[in-house]
Protein backbone atom coordinates (compact mmCIF):
# COMPACT_ATOMS: atom_id res chain seq x y z
CA MET A 1 0.00 0.00 0.00
CA SER A 2 1.41 3.40 -0.94
CA GLU A 3 0.23 6.93 -1.58
CA ASN A 4 2.47 6.73 -4.66
CA ASN A 5 -0.48 4.98 -6.33
CA TYR A 6 -2.39 8.25 -6.06
CA GLN A 7 -2.09 11.83 -7.23
CA LEU A 8 -2.88 14.88 -5.15
CA VAL A 9 -5.88 16.98 -6.19
CA CYS A 10 -5.46 20.22 -4.26
CA GLY A 11 -6.49 23.85 -4.30
CA LEU A 12 -5.80 26.58 -1.75
CA GLU A 13 -7.98 29.27 -0.26
CA ILE A 14 -5.89 32.10 1.15
CA HIS A 15 -7.46 34.72 3.41
CA ALA A 16 -5.62 37.98 4.07
CA GLU A 17 -6.75 40.99 6.09
CA LEU A 18 -6.32 44.29 4.25
CA LYS A 19 -4.68 47.08 6.22
CA THR A 20 -7.08 49.90 5.39
CA ALA A 21 -7.52 52.61 8.03
CA SER A 22 -11.16 51.66 8.67
CA LYS A 23 -13.17 48.45 8.55
CA MET A 24 -14.98 47.06 5.52
CA PHE A 25 -18.50 48.34 6.11
CA CYS A 26 -18.15 50.93 8.89
CA ALA A 27 -15.85 53.72 10.05
CA CYS A 28 -14.39 51.81 13.01
CA LYS A 29 -10.60 51.67 13.27
CA ASN A 30 -9.06 48.66 11.52
CA ASP A 31 -6.38 47.65 14.02
CA PRO A 32 -7.46 44.44 15.79
CA PHE A 33 -3.95 43.30 16.73
CA ASN A 34 -2.87 46.49 18.50
CA ALA A 35 -6.11 47.41 20.24
CA GLU A 36 -5.58 48.33 23.90
CA LYS A 37 -8.41 46.04 24.97
CA PRO A 38 -11.17 43.87 23.45
CA ASN A 39 -14.26 45.33 21.82
CA ILE A 40 -13.17 48.98 21.64
CA HIS A 41 -13.08 49.36 17.83
CA THR A 42 -16.76 48.57 17.41
CA CYS A 43 -20.08 50.15 16.43
CA PRO A 44 -23.66 48.98 15.74
CA VAL A 45 -22.65 47.90 12.21
CA CYS A 46 -19.75 45.59 13.08
CA LEU A 47 -21.56 44.37 16.20
CA GLY A 48 -24.51 43.31 14.06
CA MET A 49 -27.06 45.41 15.96
CA PRO A 50 -30.51 46.00 14.45
CA GLY A 51 -30.63 49.10 12.30
CA GLY A 52 -26.90 49.25 11.55
CA LEU A 53 -26.45 49.89 7.83
CA PRO A 54 -23.19 48.99 6.01
CA LEU A 55 -21.28 51.31 3.69
CA ALA A 56 -18.59 49.69 1.51
CA ASN A 57 -14.94 50.73 1.91
CA ARG A 58 -13.84 51.97 -1.54
CA LYS A 59 -10.12 51.60 -0.81
CA ALA A 60 -10.57 47.94 0.15
CA ILE A 61 -12.37 47.38 -3.16
CA ASP A 62 -9.63 49.14 -5.14
CA TRP A 63 -6.97 47.12 -3.33
CA THR A 64 -8.78 43.87 -4.11
CA ILE A 65 -8.78 44.76 -7.80
CA LYS A 66 -5.09 45.69 -7.53
CA ILE A 67 -4.38 42.21 -6.12
CA GLY A 68 -6.36 40.68 -8.98
CA LEU A 69 -4.37 42.60 -11.59
CA ALA A 70 -1.10 41.57 -9.93
CA LEU A 71 -2.27 37.95 -10.16
CA ASN A 72 -3.21 38.24 -13.85
CA CYS A 73 -6.96 38.15 -13.20
CA GLN A 74 -9.88 39.32 -15.29
CA ILE A 75 -11.88 42.06 -13.56
CA ASN A 76 -15.67 42.14 -13.44
CA LEU A 77 -16.86 45.64 -14.32
CA PHE A 78 -20.13 44.80 -12.54
CA SER A 79 -20.03 43.18 -9.11
CA LYS A 80 -22.03 42.97 -5.89
CA PHE A 81 -21.94 41.85 -2.28
CA ASP A 82 -23.93 38.84 -1.05
CA ARG A 83 -25.06 37.51 2.30
CA LYS A 84 -23.54 34.20 3.33
CA ASN A 85 -25.88 32.84 5.96
CA TYR A 86 -24.70 30.70 8.85
CA PHE A 87 -24.92 30.77 12.63
CA TYR A 88 -21.81 30.93 14.78
CA PRO A 89 -20.93 32.98 17.87
CA ASP A 90 -18.36 35.09 16.02
CA LEU A 91 -20.98 36.28 13.52
CA PRO A 92 -23.62 38.29 15.40
CA LYS A 93 -25.75 39.16 12.34
CA GLY A 94 -26.25 35.50 11.48
CA TYR A 95 -24.68 36.16 8.09
CA GLN A 96 -21.38 37.34 6.64
CA ILE A 97 -21.23 39.96 3.90
CA SER A 98 -19.21 38.29 1.17
CA GLN A 99 -19.33 37.69 -2.60
CA TYR A 100 -20.77 34.67 -4.35
CA ASP A 101 -21.34 34.50 -8.10
CA ILE A 102 -19.83 37.81 -9.29
CA PRO A 103 -16.52 38.35 -7.45
CA PHE A 104 -14.36 41.37 -8.24
CA CYS A 105 -11.64 39.22 -9.86
CA HIS A 106 -11.61 35.88 -11.69
CA ASP A 107 -9.53 33.62 -13.94
CA GLY A 108 -5.99 34.60 -12.98
CA TYR A 109 -2.80 32.64 -12.45
CA LEU A 110 0.51 32.54 -10.60
CA ASP A 111 3.60 30.75 -11.90
CA THR A 112 5.66 28.54 -9.58
CA SER A 113 8.82 26.52 -10.13
CA GLN A 114 6.60 23.44 -10.59
CA GLY A 115 4.18 25.00 -13.03
CA ARG A 116 1.31 27.43 -13.27
CA VAL A 117 -1.46 27.53 -10.67
CA LYS A 118 -4.70 28.99 -11.99
CA ILE A 119 -6.70 31.29 -9.72
CA GLN A 120 -10.46 30.83 -9.90
CA ARG A 121 -11.51 33.98 -8.11
CA ILE A 122 -10.60 36.72 -5.67
CA HIS A 123 -13.42 38.14 -3.60
CA LEU A 124 -13.80 40.58 -0.74
CA GLU A 125 -15.69 40.01 2.49
CA GLU A 126 -15.76 41.01 6.14
CA ASP A 127 -13.79 39.10 8.76
CA THR A 128 -15.53 37.59 11.76
CA ALA A 129 -14.98 38.31 15.44
CA LYS A 130 -12.28 36.39 17.29
CA LEU A 131 -13.19 33.59 19.69
CA ILE A 132 -10.95 33.22 22.73
CA HIS A 133 -11.44 29.80 24.29
CA GLN A 134 -10.95 29.50 28.05
CA LYS A 135 -11.23 26.38 30.24
CA ASP A 136 -14.97 26.50 30.85
CA HIS A 137 -16.16 29.35 28.63
CA THR A 138 -15.44 31.28 25.42
CA LEU A 139 -14.90 35.03 25.06
CA ILE A 140 -15.53 37.06 21.91
CA ASP A 141 -13.47 40.05 20.75
CA PHE A 142 -15.27 42.10 18.08
CA ASN A 143 -12.30 44.31 17.24
CA ARG A 144 -11.68 41.98 14.27
CA SER A 145 -15.33 41.84 13.25
CA GLY A 146 -15.80 43.68 9.96
CA VAL A 147 -12.12 43.93 9.03
CA PRO A 148 -11.78 43.74 5.21
CA LEU A 149 -10.75 40.22 4.26
CA VAL A 150 -9.68 39.22 0.77
CA GLU A 151 -9.98 35.56 -0.26
CA ILE A 152 -7.85 34.15 -3.08
CA VAL A 153 -9.13 30.81 -4.38
CA SER A 154 -6.89 28.69 -6.59
CA ASP A 155 -7.87 25.95 -9.01
CA ILE A 156 -6.97 22.34 -8.22
CA ASP A 157 -3.61 22.62 -10.00
CA ILE A 158 -1.32 22.00 -7.01
CA LYS A 159 0.72 18.84 -7.51
CA ASN A 160 2.34 18.40 -4.08
CA ALA A 161 2.80 20.00 -0.67
CA GLN A 162 6.02 21.74 -1.71
CA GLN A 163 4.28 23.52 -4.58
CA ALA A 164 1.43 24.52 -2.25
CA LYS A 165 3.97 26.07 0.10
CA GLU A 166 5.76 27.95 -2.70
CA TYR A 167 2.46 29.22 -4.14
CA ALA A 168 1.26 30.50 -0.75
CA GLN A 169 4.62 32.15 -0.01
CA LYS A 170 4.56 33.93 -3.36
CA ILE A 171 1.01 35.18 -2.68
CA ARG A 172 2.16 36.62 0.65
CA GLN A 173 5.20 38.21 -1.00
CA ILE A 174 3.02 39.89 -3.65
CA LEU A 175 0.52 41.20 -1.08
CA ARG A 176 3.40 42.74 0.86
CA TYR A 177 4.93 44.24 -2.29
CA LEU A 178 1.56 45.87 -3.05
CA ASP A 179 1.55 47.18 0.55
CA VAL A 180 -2.10 46.19 1.03
CA ALA A 181 -1.66 43.56 3.78
CA ASP A 182 0.85 42.75 6.52
CA CYS A 183 0.07 39.01 6.32
CA ASP A 184 1.05 38.42 9.95
CA MET A 185 0.33 34.70 10.11
CA GLU A 186 1.06 34.26 13.82
CA ARG A 187 -1.72 36.72 14.69
CA GLY A 188 -4.16 35.55 12.01
CA GLY A 189 -3.62 38.31 9.45
CA MET A 190 -3.22 35.58 6.82
CA ARG A 191 -4.82 32.14 7.03
CA LEU A 192 -4.41 29.13 4.75
CA GLU A 193 -6.98 26.50 3.84
CA ALA A 194 -6.17 23.49 1.67
CA ASN A 195 -8.83 21.46 -0.12
CA ILE A 196 -7.36 17.99 -0.48
CA SER A 197 -8.41 14.81 -2.23
CA LEU A 198 -6.67 12.00 -4.11
CA LYS A 199 -7.21 10.26 -7.40
CA LYS A 200 -5.54 7.17 -8.82
CA SER A 201 -2.43 7.75 -10.87
CA SER A 202 -4.17 5.93 -13.72
CA ASP A 203 -7.22 8.25 -13.70
CA PRO A 204 -7.69 10.70 -16.60
CA THR A 205 -6.11 14.14 -16.24
CA ASP A 206 -9.50 15.85 -15.90
CA PHE A 207 -10.90 13.36 -13.36
CA ILE A 208 -12.14 15.00 -10.15
CA PRO A 209 -12.76 12.86 -7.03
CA ASN A 210 -16.27 12.84 -5.56
CA TYR A 211 -15.11 14.16 -2.18
CA LYS A 212 -12.76 16.74 -0.71
CA VAL A 213 -11.34 17.42 2.73
CA GLU A 214 -10.72 21.00 3.78
CA CYS A 215 -7.86 21.64 6.22
CA LYS A 216 -8.86 24.98 7.67
CA ASN A 217 -7.25 28.00 9.38
CA ILE A 218 -3.61 26.97 9.10
CA ASN A 219 -1.27 29.77 10.20
CA SER A 220 2.10 28.48 8.95
CA PHE A 221 3.48 27.46 5.56
CA ARG A 222 5.31 24.58 7.23
CA PHE A 223 2.14 23.39 8.99
CA MET A 224 0.25 23.49 5.69
CA GLU A 225 2.95 21.36 4.07
CA LEU A 226 2.75 18.86 6.93
CA ALA A 227 -1.06 18.83 6.85
CA ILE A 228 -1.17 18.07 3.12
CA ASN A 229 1.39 15.28 3.40
CA TYR A 230 -0.45 13.76 6.36
CA GLU A 231 -3.79 13.93 4.53
CA MET A 232 -2.30 12.26 1.47
CA GLU A 233 -1.13 9.35 3.59
CA ARG A 234 -4.41 9.13 5.57
CA GLN A 235 -6.62 9.28 2.50
CA ALA A 236 -4.46 6.79 0.58
CA GLN A 237 -4.88 4.27 3.38
CA LEU A 238 -8.68 4.66 3.23
CA LEU A 239 -8.82 4.42 -0.56
CA GLU A 240 -6.68 1.26 -0.48
CA LYS A 241 -9.42 -0.28 1.66
CA SER A 242 -12.05 0.86 -0.91
CA GLU A 243 -13.34 3.47 1.54
CA THR A 244 -14.16 7.00 0.43
CA PRO A 245 -12.78 9.61 2.84
CA THR A 246 -15.49 11.62 4.58
CA GLN A 247 -16.11 15.05 3.08
CA GLU A 248 -15.39 17.25 6.07
CA THR A 249 -13.52 20.18 7.54
CA ARG A 250 -10.42 19.22 9.51
CA GLY A 251 -7.95 21.11 11.68
CA PHE A 252 -4.23 20.53 12.04
CA ASN A 253 -2.45 19.78 15.32
CA PRO A 254 1.20 20.96 15.12
CA GLN A 255 2.17 18.90 18.18
CA SER A 256 1.03 15.58 16.73
CA GLY A 257 1.58 16.49 13.09
CA LYS A 258 -1.90 15.12 12.33
CA THR A 259 -5.19 16.53 11.13
CA PHE A 260 -8.40 16.02 13.11
CA SER A 261 -12.09 16.13 12.26
CA GLN A 262 -14.00 19.31 13.08
CA ARG A 263 -17.32 19.18 11.24
CA ALA A 264 -19.06 18.04 8.07
CA LYS A 265 -18.11 20.25 5.14
CA GLU A 266 -20.77 22.68 3.94
CA GLU A 267 -21.72 23.21 0.31
CA ALA A 268 -22.62 26.55 -1.29
CA GLN A 269 -26.35 25.81 -1.05
CA ASP A 270 -26.02 25.42 2.72
CA TYR A 271 -25.15 29.10 3.01
CA ARG A 272 -28.28 30.31 1.15
CA TYR A 273 -26.45 33.14 -0.61
CA PHE A 274 -28.48 36.10 -1.86
CA PRO A 275 -27.56 39.71 -2.82
CA ASP A 276 -27.20 42.01 0.18
CA PRO A 277 -30.17 44.40 -0.03
CA ASP A 278 -28.36 47.09 2.00
CA LEU A 279 -25.46 47.42 -0.46
CA PRO A 280 -25.99 48.55 -4.07
CA PRO A 281 -24.20 46.77 -6.91
CA ILE A 282 -20.81 48.18 -7.88
CA GLU A 283 -19.90 49.20 -11.43
CA PHE A 284 -16.49 50.12 -12.82
CA SER A 285 -15.45 51.70 -16.08
CA PRO A 286 -12.40 50.52 -18.04
CA ALA A 287 -10.78 53.81 -17.00
CA ASP A 288 -11.24 52.86 -13.33
CA ILE A 289 -9.40 49.60 -13.87
CA GLU A 290 -6.65 51.31 -15.87
CA ARG A 291 -6.15 53.82 -13.04
CA ILE A 292 -5.67 51.00 -10.54
CA LYS A 293 -3.40 49.12 -12.96
CA ASN A 294 -1.16 52.18 -13.24
CA GLU A 295 -0.65 52.06 -9.45
CA LEU A 296 0.94 48.60 -9.59
CA VAL A 297 4.57 48.32 -8.50
CA GLU A 298 7.19 46.08 -10.06
CA LEU A 299 6.51 42.60 -8.69
CA PRO A 300 9.13 40.11 -7.39
CA ASP A 301 9.46 37.74 -10.37
CA HIS A 302 9.82 40.57 -12.88
CA TYR A 303 12.12 42.49 -10.53
CA ALA A 304 14.46 39.50 -10.14
CA LEU A 305 14.55 38.86 -13.89
CA ARG A 306 15.35 42.50 -14.63
CA LEU A 307 18.18 42.64 -12.08
CA SER A 308 19.57 39.40 -13.48
CA GLN A 309 19.60 40.76 -17.02
CA GLU A 310 20.80 44.28 -16.24
CA TYR A 311 23.64 43.29 -13.91
CA GLN A 312 24.57 39.82 -15.26
CA LEU A 313 23.54 38.09 -12.05
CA ASP A 314 22.53 34.45 -11.72
CA LEU A 315 18.72 34.40 -11.56
CA ASN A 316 18.72 32.42 -8.31
CA LEU A 317 20.96 35.07 -6.77
CA SER A 318 18.84 37.98 -7.98
CA THR A 319 15.73 36.21 -6.66
CA ARG A 320 17.30 36.29 -3.18
CA LEU A 321 17.65 40.07 -3.50
CA VAL A 322 13.93 40.72 -3.95
CA SER A 323 12.49 38.86 -0.96
CA SER A 324 10.84 42.09 0.11
CA SER A 325 10.27 45.42 -1.58
CA ALA A 326 12.66 47.13 0.86
CA GLU A 327 15.44 44.62 0.12
CA ALA A 328 14.89 44.90 -3.62
CA HIS A 329 15.29 48.68 -3.61
CA PHE A 330 18.28 48.50 -1.27
CA PHE A 331 20.20 46.00 -3.41
CA GLU A 332 19.33 47.75 -6.65
CA ASN A 333 20.79 51.00 -5.30
CA ILE A 334 23.96 49.07 -4.43
CA LEU A 335 24.09 47.60 -7.95
CA ILE A 336 23.63 51.01 -9.59
CA LEU A 337 26.56 52.47 -7.65
CA ALA A 338 28.71 49.36 -8.14
CA LYS A 339 28.28 49.66 -11.90
CA LYS A 340 29.46 53.28 -11.79
CA GLU A 341 32.53 52.23 -9.79
CA ASN A 342 33.29 49.30 -12.13
CA ILE A 343 32.74 46.81 -9.31
CA GLU A 344 31.62 43.34 -10.38
CA ALA A 345 27.97 43.01 -9.33
CA GLU A 346 28.11 39.39 -8.19
CA LYS A 347 31.19 39.97 -6.04
CA ILE A 348 29.77 42.84 -4.00
CA ILE A 349 26.38 41.13 -3.63
CA ASN A 350 28.04 37.95 -2.35
CA ALA A 351 30.14 40.03 0.04
CA LEU A 352 26.93 41.48 1.48
CA LEU A 353 24.94 38.25 1.57
CA ASN A 354 27.84 36.34 3.12
CA LYS A 355 28.21 39.03 5.80
CA LYS A 356 31.74 40.00 4.79
CA ILE A 357 30.32 43.50 5.01
CA ASP A 358 27.89 44.22 7.84
CA TYR A 359 24.87 46.21 6.67
CA GLN A 360 21.37 47.35 7.50
CA LEU A 361 18.72 48.16 4.90
CA SER A 362 18.81 51.73 6.19
CA ASP A 363 22.56 52.12 5.49
CA ASP A 364 23.85 54.60 2.91
CA PRO A 365 24.69 52.54 -0.22
CA GLN A 366 27.64 54.84 -1.00
CA LEU A 367 29.15 54.05 2.41
CA LEU A 368 28.82 50.30 1.74
CA ILE A 369 30.53 50.72 -1.62
CA LYS A 370 33.48 52.38 0.15
CA ARG A 371 33.62 49.55 2.71
CA TYR A 372 33.74 47.01 -0.10
CA GLN A 373 36.53 48.90 -1.85
CA GLN A 374 38.53 49.05 1.36
CA LEU A 375 37.97 45.34 1.94
CA ASN A 376 39.23 44.51 -1.53
CA SER A 377 41.93 47.15 -1.94
CA VAL A 378 45.18 45.73 -3.35
CA GLU A 379 48.49 46.84 -1.85
CA ASP A 380 51.38 47.81 -4.10
CA MET A 381 54.09 45.17 -4.31
CA SER A 382 56.64 44.62 -7.04
CA LEU A 383 56.39 41.53 -9.22
CA GLU A 384 59.96 40.65 -8.19
CA THR A 385 58.99 40.64 -4.49
CA ILE A 386 55.95 38.46 -5.18
CA ALA A 387 58.12 36.07 -7.21
CA ASN A 388 60.57 35.75 -4.32
CA PHE A 389 57.76 34.82 -1.94
CA VAL A 390 56.46 32.24 -4.43
CA THR A 391 59.95 30.72 -4.77
CA GLU A 392 60.09 30.28 -0.99
CA VAL A 393 56.69 28.56 -0.97
CA LEU A 394 57.75 26.11 -3.68
CA LYS A 395 60.94 25.22 -1.78
CA GLU A 396 58.90 24.60 1.40
CA ASN A 397 56.36 22.37 -0.41
CA LEU A 398 58.40 20.11 -2.67
CA ASP A 399 55.87 17.25 -2.36
CA ALA A 400 53.07 19.47 -3.66
CA VAL A 401 55.32 20.67 -6.49
CA ALA A 402 56.07 17.08 -7.46
CA LYS A 403 52.39 16.17 -7.43
CA TYR A 404 51.49 19.15 -9.63
CA ARG A 405 54.22 18.28 -12.14
CA ALA A 406 52.95 14.69 -12.10
CA GLY A 407 49.58 15.91 -13.32
CA LYS A 408 47.68 16.50 -10.08
CA SER A 409 46.56 20.04 -10.91
CA GLU A 410 44.26 20.21 -7.86
CA VAL A 411 47.25 21.05 -5.63
CA LEU A 412 47.53 24.42 -7.39
CA ALA A 413 44.85 25.89 -5.10
CA PHE A 414 46.89 24.78 -2.08
CA LEU A 415 50.04 26.44 -3.43
CA ILE A 416 48.15 29.67 -4.18
CA GLY A 417 46.82 29.70 -0.63
CA GLN A 418 50.27 29.14 0.83
CA SER A 419 51.67 31.93 -1.34
CA MET A 420 49.00 34.42 -0.24
CA LYS A 421 49.65 33.45 3.37
CA LYS A 422 53.41 33.98 2.91
CA ILE A 423 52.90 37.38 1.24
CA ALA A 424 50.54 38.41 4.08
CA LYS A 425 49.27 41.46 2.21
CA LYS A 426 46.35 42.19 -0.08
CA VAL A 427 47.76 41.58 -3.54
CA ASP A 428 46.08 40.51 -6.76
CA VAL A 429 45.55 36.76 -6.45
CA ASN A 430 45.48 36.41 -10.24
CA GLN A 431 48.95 37.91 -10.43
CA VAL A 432 50.17 35.47 -7.78
CA LYS A 433 48.68 32.57 -9.75
CA LYS A 434 50.37 33.72 -12.95
CA ILE A 435 53.81 33.91 -11.31
CA LEU A 436 53.26 30.56 -9.57
CA LEU A 437 52.39 28.83 -12.84
CA ALA A 438 55.41 30.36 -14.54
CA GLN A 439 57.74 28.94 -11.89
CA LEU A 440 56.01 25.55 -11.76
CA ASN A 441 56.24 25.13 -15.53
CA SER A 442 59.81 26.40 -15.92
């Protein structure tokens, strides 16, 4: 029995809180993590009191469209908000204002190292309150209730847990580049949900299993990877016994490394969606979308490719330079100055990344260029003096000389090192190598 007989069928739902100044449908402060105490950033609207009327946050809508454009989505010029009806203590109205059949964004994609992941939709909704479970009771903090929450729903293109992790990390990176979300996963600013099922390796490419298991509210890329791998093993064992895994929502326990059942999984019809009568439909013109598109910044993949091409850097190296927007701008400023000073780009970048030069992102790039030049300054020494030092090294290492002359060229590096140590000054290592070879081959 082996999960190798099966293929993963997986899509991700990624929720991220937008960092607008106010909440999604009211003027309350949007700052649930830094509130001085529970339930202070609240009003009749986000508390779900009778008579409270919502008013949509335009900036949150614009930011959602910006995310969609960054993820290559089509934008609906006509959209609306819907009521998603369910009863839970963190939802005082008895429904969540969300989007159902006409989301703001649809049919996008994001490329990963293991292939393209299509994005079905990106919609905007309000976050729920936060439940704080105590020993014998549960408390509710409504500071989070009504915070704008964007949901990015992928297609079932994810081939394995590693690709799921990379895809989710790239989504977080893009949201941070756009400066629309902090994505603080430890505090719940970004949550991951994986819909997981298996099909036989022999099944057709377009075959979709008749069940799916949702692993919900995961707050770590590593935990999501572990949860997917565990589910693949668990479901494979059931399928090998001709049992269909139960369609359900499951949580993940980091201590045990296992998922656990929470409740039966709901379907769309269970939520009884209908258009929210308190919020009018929203229409955009092509000019509106073009305005938002013009606000997009250069995104990580394009940034890395450009740096690689402009400064002759290995693409993997330039990708390391653009982990965040702040790092990307910092390193590009270094590269611009290095080019003016005729400093080889890869050498100064490696000196920084390998901590040969201490730096902070706030440091003056010109100062770091000077530090690099000082570190790599070559002292004046006559060729005759260098040759004398090399002669001494060869006399002290006759065995290595014999091995080199016998064809073991790998000892050359040793002799160069010994020569540099003997010279004990910063001289051009290529010059030392040239003199060394001349004496060895004489």
